[in-house]
Amino acid sequence: MIMDIMERLPKKVSLADLTPRDGFQSESKVIPAEGKLYIIHQLVSAGFKQMEVSAFAPPKFQPQFRDWEEVVKGLPDRDDVTYSYVTTGKKATERALAAREKGYRIDRILMGILPASETFNKTVMGMTYDETWNWIGETVKQAHALDMKVNVFLTGIFSPPDPREGEVDLVGRALDFMDRLLDMGVNDIEHPDHMGEAAPHQVAAYFTRVFERQPDPNLHIFHVHDARGMGLACYLAALQAGVNRFETTLGGLGGWPANFVDGVPVPGLIGLKEVSRRPGLVSTEDFLVMLDAFGLETGIDLVKTLDLGRMVERIVGRKLWSFCLGTADRPGSGPLPKHQRYETESR
């Protein structure tokens, strides 16, 4: 049984850390640019090659990222690292493209479309589906002309549809959207569970259908907000289904954009509110410890990452959700003892 599980796992896993962007967007205080850059530099030092570093949302909606220009100017000058930014709406996308034209390191942008509900699409993006498709098509052409990569995330795959829109085949619509986006030239697709509503068997079934239609694993990224404590189980199910690209945050930070920052109310996502006590992503530290236990290659220094997780707790001023940020090497912290790991060579 154990060997069957191991044989279904990929030998190498690509992990993107989203702490400076998704991790901080829900914080009620602004993290200084120096703090964000400290994290980014330490992530690069630990071996991360993929990360989200900021967002281009208008500052009145997300004041956490009004310092994007200062952050971009301070990024490590590494050609082997991809710096990504969220540009959910038209104005944010225009700002990102303009920054790239000025020579800033805007390597990759993330755009969104929500298969769960056109109503939510209008709330978050201010556009109908047809308008969104036109916007994505135009943006892909512009971004590729500037040698930028484009990702689109399919929010709502595992969440119930808007009751005002009747019953919707969420998975079927997400798969149709995936095919259409890849035909348009989008570089990769993020398949997120922003509400943390997926169960492992649903994840396995979903990605089985994904790979039947689009079998290249480099096209697909899994991203789970661990609202119900099933994040690692869902990631294991995705690994066994063939996914090898994942996203996490240090300490399990993250959630929807804050609507109260540094003592000032901000619009946030109007009409929406967090529904979870624990809205953040799967913890980077916990997922790396699991991958280390399986003996899977990541290219990331686990000990450096754990040290950075403890520093992030000091930066945000509270203890975070990672199980592996204990007070000592054992128990409940750090890598598993070597005799408890299943090394890659044994598979």
Protein backbone atom coordinates (compact mmCIF):
# COMPACT_ATOMS: atom_id res chain seq x y z
CA MET A 1 0.00 0.00 0.00
CA ILE A 2 2.74 2.47 0.94
CA MET A 3 4.72 1.69 -2.20
CA ASP A 4 1.59 2.17 -4.33
CA ILE A 5 1.23 5.66 -2.87
CA MET A 6 4.90 6.48 -3.48
CA GLU A 7 4.86 5.23 -7.06
CA ARG A 8 2.08 7.65 -7.95
CA LEU A 9 4.02 10.70 -6.74
CA PRO A 10 6.09 12.89 -9.08
CA LYS A 11 9.83 12.82 -8.50
CA LYS A 12 10.13 16.61 -8.55
CA VAL A 13 7.77 19.28 -7.20
CA SER A 14 7.76 23.00 -8.04
CA LEU A 15 6.64 25.18 -5.15
CA ALA A 16 5.79 28.87 -5.42
CA ASP A 17 5.58 30.94 -2.23
CA LEU A 18 2.97 33.71 -2.25
CA THR A 19 3.65 35.27 1.16
CA PRO A 20 4.51 38.83 0.02
CA ARG A 21 1.27 39.05 -1.99
CA ASP A 22 -1.49 36.61 -1.03
CA GLY A 23 -0.05 36.19 2.45
CA PHE A 24 -0.13 39.90 3.24
CA GLN A 25 -3.24 41.06 1.37
CA SER A 26 -5.50 40.17 4.30
CA GLU A 27 -3.30 41.77 6.97
CA SER A 28 -4.82 44.68 8.88
CA LYS A 29 -1.50 46.52 9.02
CA VAL A 30 0.77 47.47 6.15
CA ILE A 31 3.96 45.43 6.06
CA PRO A 32 6.83 47.83 5.19
CA ALA A 33 8.53 47.37 1.83
CA GLU A 34 11.74 46.54 3.70
CA GLY A 35 9.96 43.67 5.42
CA LYS A 36 8.55 42.35 2.16
CA LEU A 37 11.95 42.55 0.49
CA TYR A 38 13.58 40.76 3.41
CA ILE A 39 11.18 37.86 2.89
CA ILE A 40 11.69 37.85 -0.88
CA HIS A 41 15.49 37.84 -0.60
CA GLN A 42 15.37 35.03 1.97
CA LEU A 43 13.00 33.00 -0.21
CA VAL A 44 15.43 33.30 -3.10
CA SER A 45 18.30 32.32 -0.81
CA ALA A 46 16.33 29.23 0.27
CA GLY A 47 15.95 28.14 -3.36
CA PHE A 48 12.49 29.35 -4.38
CA LYS A 49 12.30 30.09 -8.11
CA GLN A 50 8.63 31.12 -8.25
CA MET A 51 6.93 33.72 -6.05
CA GLU A 52 4.24 36.38 -6.02
CA VAL A 53 5.70 39.67 -4.87
CA SER A 54 2.93 42.27 -5.20
CA ALA A 55 -0.36 43.30 -6.81
CA PHE A 56 -1.41 46.17 -9.03
CA ALA A 57 -4.86 46.74 -7.57
CA PRO A 58 -5.72 50.43 -7.02
CA PRO A 59 -4.38 51.46 -3.59
CA LYS A 60 -7.84 52.48 -2.37
CA PHE A 61 -8.83 48.79 -2.60
CA GLN A 62 -5.55 47.23 -1.48
CA PRO A 63 -3.31 49.75 0.30
CA GLN A 64 -1.01 46.87 1.27
CA PHE A 65 0.52 47.09 -2.22
CA ARG A 66 0.81 50.81 -2.75
CA ASP A 67 4.58 50.24 -2.35
CA TRP A 68 4.82 47.91 -5.38
CA GLU A 69 7.36 50.14 -7.14
CA GLU A 70 9.71 50.19 -4.15
CA VAL A 71 9.41 46.42 -3.85
CA VAL A 72 10.09 45.84 -7.55
CA LYS A 73 13.16 48.06 -7.49
CA GLY A 74 14.59 46.02 -4.61
CA LEU A 75 14.09 42.55 -6.08
CA PRO A 76 17.11 40.24 -6.34
CA ASP A 77 18.51 40.44 -9.88
CA ARG A 78 18.12 36.77 -10.71
CA ASP A 79 17.28 35.50 -14.18
CA ASP A 80 16.36 32.08 -12.78
CA VAL A 81 13.56 33.48 -10.59
CA THR A 82 10.09 34.42 -11.84
CA TYR A 83 8.38 37.34 -10.11
CA SER A 84 4.59 37.30 -10.42
CA TYR A 85 1.89 39.92 -9.76
CA VAL A 86 -1.88 39.81 -9.48
CA THR A 87 -3.70 42.06 -11.96
CA THR A 88 -7.31 41.06 -11.49
CA GLY A 89 -8.98 43.99 -13.27
CA LYS A 90 -8.38 46.21 -16.29
CA LYS A 91 -6.75 49.11 -14.47
CA ALA A 92 -4.39 46.81 -12.59
CA THR A 93 -3.41 45.07 -15.81
CA GLU A 94 -2.74 48.37 -17.55
CA ARG A 95 -0.47 49.43 -14.67
CA ALA A 96 1.46 46.17 -14.86
CA LEU A 97 1.96 46.42 -18.62
CA ALA A 98 3.09 50.04 -18.28
CA ALA A 99 5.59 49.04 -15.57
CA ARG A 100 6.99 46.31 -17.83
CA GLU A 101 7.36 48.83 -20.66
CA LYS A 102 9.45 50.96 -18.27
CA GLY A 103 11.80 48.03 -17.70
CA TYR A 104 10.57 46.78 -14.31
CA ARG A 105 10.76 43.07 -13.45
CA ILE A 106 7.15 42.21 -14.12
CA ASP A 107 7.79 38.66 -15.30
CA ARG A 108 4.32 37.18 -15.00
CA ILE A 109 0.82 38.44 -14.30
CA LEU A 110 -2.18 36.60 -12.85
CA MET A 111 -5.65 37.36 -14.13
CA GLY A 112 -8.92 35.88 -12.95
CA ILE A 113 -12.16 34.48 -14.24
CA LEU A 114 -14.79 32.93 -11.98
CA PRO A 115 -16.67 29.94 -13.39
CA ALA A 116 -18.87 29.71 -10.29
CA SER A 117 -20.85 32.85 -11.05
CA GLU A 118 -21.02 35.67 -13.55
CA THR A 119 -22.46 37.78 -10.73
CA PHE A 120 -19.27 37.30 -8.70
CA ASN A 121 -17.25 38.02 -11.84
CA LYS A 122 -18.94 41.42 -12.06
CA THR A 123 -18.41 42.05 -8.33
CA VAL A 124 -14.69 41.26 -8.35
CA MET A 125 -13.70 42.28 -11.87
CA GLY A 126 -16.43 44.67 -12.97
CA MET A 127 -17.03 42.74 -16.20
CA THR A 128 -19.36 40.20 -17.74
CA TYR A 129 -17.93 36.92 -18.97
CA ASP A 130 -17.85 38.16 -22.59
CA GLU A 131 -16.06 41.32 -21.55
CA THR A 132 -13.62 39.27 -19.48
CA TRP A 133 -12.79 36.97 -22.40
CA ASN A 134 -12.07 39.96 -24.65
CA TRP A 135 -9.89 41.52 -21.96
CA ILE A 136 -7.89 38.32 -21.45
CA GLY A 137 -7.35 37.85 -25.20
CA GLU A 138 -6.10 41.42 -25.63
CA THR A 139 -3.88 41.18 -22.56
CA VAL A 140 -2.26 37.92 -23.63
CA LYS A 141 -1.18 39.54 -26.91
CA GLN A 142 0.16 42.65 -25.17
CA ALA A 143 1.96 40.72 -22.46
CA HIS A 144 3.62 38.27 -24.83
CA ALA A 145 4.79 41.16 -26.97
CA LEU A 146 6.57 42.42 -23.82
CA ASP A 147 7.96 38.93 -23.07
CA MET A 148 5.69 38.53 -20.05
CA LYS A 149 3.93 35.31 -19.03
CA VAL A 150 0.20 35.22 -18.33
CA ASN A 151 -1.63 33.02 -15.83
CA VAL A 152 -5.38 32.85 -15.38
CA PHE A 153 -6.96 31.44 -12.22
CA LEU A 154 -10.31 29.64 -12.28
CA THR A 155 -11.94 30.60 -9.00
CA GLY A 156 -15.01 28.68 -7.92
CA ILE A 157 -14.23 25.18 -9.18
CA PHE A 158 -15.17 23.49 -5.90
CA SER A 159 -17.64 26.05 -4.53
CA PRO A 160 -21.44 25.99 -4.86
CA PRO A 161 -22.85 28.21 -7.63
CA ASP A 162 -24.61 31.46 -6.92
CA PRO A 163 -28.20 30.41 -6.05
CA ARG A 164 -29.49 33.20 -8.27
CA GLU A 165 -27.96 31.51 -11.30
CA GLY A 166 -29.39 28.03 -10.79
CA GLU A 167 -27.52 24.74 -10.93
CA VAL A 168 -24.18 24.89 -12.74
CA ASP A 169 -21.75 22.12 -13.65
CA LEU A 170 -18.77 23.87 -12.04
CA VAL A 171 -16.17 21.30 -13.07
CA GLY A 172 -17.45 21.05 -16.64
CA ARG A 173 -17.45 24.82 -17.05
CA ALA A 174 -13.98 25.12 -15.49
CA LEU A 175 -12.62 22.52 -17.92
CA ASP A 176 -14.18 24.30 -20.89
CA PHE A 177 -12.69 27.59 -19.67
CA MET A 178 -9.29 25.89 -19.26
CA ASP A 179 -9.28 24.66 -22.86
CA ARG A 180 -10.36 28.04 -24.19
CA LEU A 181 -7.70 29.89 -22.19
CA LEU A 182 -4.88 27.62 -23.33
CA ASP A 183 -6.05 27.98 -26.93
CA MET A 184 -5.79 31.76 -26.43
CA GLY A 185 -2.12 31.41 -25.45
CA VAL A 186 -2.30 31.66 -21.65
CA ASN A 187 0.95 30.19 -20.29
CA ASP A 188 -0.50 28.25 -17.37
CA ILE A 189 -3.70 27.78 -15.38
CA GLU A 190 -4.18 28.05 -11.63
CA HIS A 191 -6.84 25.71 -10.30
CA PRO A 192 -7.58 27.20 -6.86
CA ASP A 193 -9.86 26.36 -3.98
CA HIS A 194 -10.15 29.84 -2.50
CA MET A 195 -12.93 28.85 -0.11
CA GLY A 196 -11.28 25.66 1.17
CA GLU A 197 -14.36 23.64 0.28
CA ALA A 198 -12.73 20.78 -1.64
CA ALA A 199 -12.26 17.30 -0.23
CA PRO A 200 -9.38 15.05 -1.37
CA HIS A 201 -11.54 12.69 -3.44
CA GLN A 202 -12.99 15.68 -5.33
CA VAL A 203 -9.49 16.97 -6.04
CA ALA A 204 -8.39 13.59 -7.38
CA ALA A 205 -11.46 13.32 -9.60
CA TYR A 206 -11.07 16.88 -10.88
CA PHE A 207 -7.42 16.59 -11.86
CA THR A 208 -8.03 13.22 -13.49
CA ARG A 209 -10.37 15.05 -15.86
CA VAL A 210 -7.94 17.96 -16.23
CA PHE A 211 -5.12 15.67 -17.39
CA GLU A 212 -7.41 13.78 -19.75
CA ARG A 213 -7.88 17.04 -21.65
CA GLN A 214 -4.59 18.86 -21.02
CA PRO A 215 -1.95 16.28 -19.99
CA ASP A 216 1.11 18.57 -19.70
CA PRO A 217 1.68 18.97 -15.91
CA ASN A 218 3.60 22.21 -16.46
CA LEU A 219 0.32 23.89 -17.46
CA HIS A 220 -1.41 23.33 -14.12
CA ILE A 221 -0.99 24.82 -10.64
CA PHE A 222 -2.95 23.90 -7.50
CA HIS A 223 -3.70 26.50 -4.82
CA VAL A 224 -5.73 25.74 -1.68
CA HIS A 225 -6.90 27.95 1.18
CA ASP A 226 -6.84 25.60 4.14
CA ALA A 227 -10.16 26.67 5.67
CA ARG A 228 -11.15 23.20 6.87
CA GLY A 229 -7.77 21.67 7.63
CA MET A 230 -7.82 19.43 4.55
CA GLY A 231 -5.23 21.36 2.56
CA LEU A 232 -2.36 18.88 2.87
CA ALA A 233 -4.70 15.97 2.17
CA CYS A 234 -5.92 17.75 -0.96
CA TYR A 235 -2.32 18.42 -2.01
CA LEU A 236 -1.46 14.75 -1.56
CA ALA A 237 -4.47 13.80 -3.70
CA ALA A 238 -3.32 16.25 -6.37
CA LEU A 239 0.25 14.88 -6.25
CA GLN A 240 -1.08 11.38 -6.82
CA ALA A 241 -3.21 12.62 -9.73
CA GLY A 242 -0.11 14.06 -11.46
CA VAL A 243 0.10 17.69 -10.29
CA ASN A 244 3.65 18.88 -9.64
CA ARG A 245 3.15 22.65 -9.26
CA PHE A 246 1.74 24.08 -6.01
CA GLU A 247 1.37 27.41 -4.18
CA THR A 248 1.68 28.08 -0.45
CA THR A 249 2.41 30.83 2.07
CA LEU A 250 4.70 30.95 5.08
CA GLY A 251 2.75 30.21 8.24
CA GLY A 252 -0.41 29.65 6.21
CA LEU A 253 -0.98 33.41 5.81
CA GLY A 254 -3.52 34.80 3.40
CA GLY A 255 -7.18 35.33 2.69
CA TRP A 256 -9.35 37.88 0.95
CA PRO A 257 -8.14 41.51 0.77
CA ALA A 258 -8.51 43.29 4.08
CA ASN A 259 -11.20 45.95 4.37
CA PHE A 260 -9.54 47.66 7.33
CA VAL A 261 -5.83 48.57 7.08
CA ASP A 262 -3.73 50.67 9.45
CA GLY A 263 -6.83 51.99 11.19
CA VAL A 264 -8.54 53.06 7.97
CA PRO A 265 -11.61 51.34 6.42
CA VAL A 266 -11.06 50.35 2.78
CA PRO A 267 -13.57 48.90 0.29
CA GLY A 268 -12.00 45.43 0.00
CA LEU A 269 -14.29 43.02 -1.85
CA ILE A 270 -17.61 44.81 -1.55
CA GLY A 271 -20.46 42.53 -0.61
CA LEU A 272 -18.18 39.60 0.29
CA LYS A 273 -16.69 38.59 3.61
CA GLU A 274 -14.41 35.89 4.98
CA VAL A 275 -16.32 32.81 6.05
CA SER A 276 -13.46 30.93 7.67
CA ARG A 277 -11.62 31.25 10.96
CA ARG A 278 -8.48 30.18 9.10
CA PRO A 279 -8.66 31.69 5.57
CA GLY A 280 -4.99 31.37 4.57
CA LEU A 281 -3.24 28.99 2.20
CA VAL A 282 -1.56 25.69 2.96
CA SER A 283 1.56 26.41 5.01
CA THR A 284 4.81 26.45 3.03
CA GLU A 285 6.65 24.94 5.99
CA ASP A 286 4.19 22.08 6.49
CA PHE A 287 4.02 21.16 2.81
CA LEU A 288 7.82 21.19 2.52
CA VAL A 289 8.14 18.95 5.56
CA MET A 290 5.71 16.51 3.94
CA LEU A 291 7.58 16.57 0.63
CA ASP A 292 10.86 16.08 2.49
CA ALA A 293 9.36 13.06 4.27
CA PHE A 294 8.46 11.57 0.88
CA GLY A 295 11.96 12.26 -0.43
CA LEU A 296 10.67 14.40 -3.31
CA GLU A 297 13.00 16.90 -4.97
CA THR A 298 12.11 20.58 -4.57
CA GLY A 299 15.46 22.40 -4.70
CA ILE A 300 14.41 24.29 -1.55
CA ASP A 301 16.32 24.42 1.72
CA LEU A 302 13.85 23.27 4.37
CA VAL A 303 15.80 24.53 7.39
CA LYS A 304 16.17 28.02 5.89
CA THR A 305 12.45 28.04 5.15
CA LEU A 306 11.56 27.11 8.72
CA ASP A 307 13.82 29.87 10.02
CA LEU A 308 12.13 32.34 7.70
CA GLY A 309 8.71 31.20 8.88
CA ARG A 310 9.67 32.10 12.44
CA MET A 311 10.81 35.53 11.25
CA VAL A 312 7.49 36.08 9.46
CA GLU A 313 5.74 35.50 12.77
CA ARG A 314 7.75 38.41 14.18
CA ILE A 315 7.01 40.58 11.16
CA VAL A 316 3.24 40.16 11.46
CA GLY A 317 3.36 40.13 15.26
CA ARG A 318 1.59 36.86 16.08
CA LYS A 319 1.93 33.10 15.96
CA LEU A 320 0.90 31.58 12.64
CA TRP A 321 -0.84 28.40 11.51
CA SER A 322 2.11 26.20 10.56
CA PHE A 323 2.28 22.97 12.54
CA CYS A 324 6.03 22.81 11.94
CA LEU A 325 7.00 26.09 13.59
CA GLY A 326 7.38 24.57 17.04
CA THR A 327 9.74 25.73 19.76
CA ALA A 328 12.28 22.93 19.33
CA ASP A 329 13.62 20.60 16.67
CA ARG A 330 11.37 17.79 17.91
CA PRO A 331 8.57 17.06 18.44
CA GLY A 332 6.27 19.00 16.15
CA SER A 333 8.91 20.98 14.31
CA GLY A 334 11.23 20.66 11.37
CA PRO A 335 12.14 17.68 9.21
CA LEU A 336 11.16 14.18 10.17
CA PRO A 337 13.95 11.95 11.47
CA LYS A 338 15.74 10.30 8.55
CA HIS A 339 14.69 6.81 9.54
CA GLN A 340 11.03 7.87 9.13
CA ARG A 341 11.43 9.19 5.57
CA TYR A 342 10.83 7.26 2.39
CA GLU A 343 13.71 8.31 0.18
CA THR A 344 13.19 8.74 -3.55
CA GLU A 345 15.67 5.98 -4.32
CA SER A 346 13.50 3.43 -2.50
CA ARG A 347 10.57 3.97 -4.85
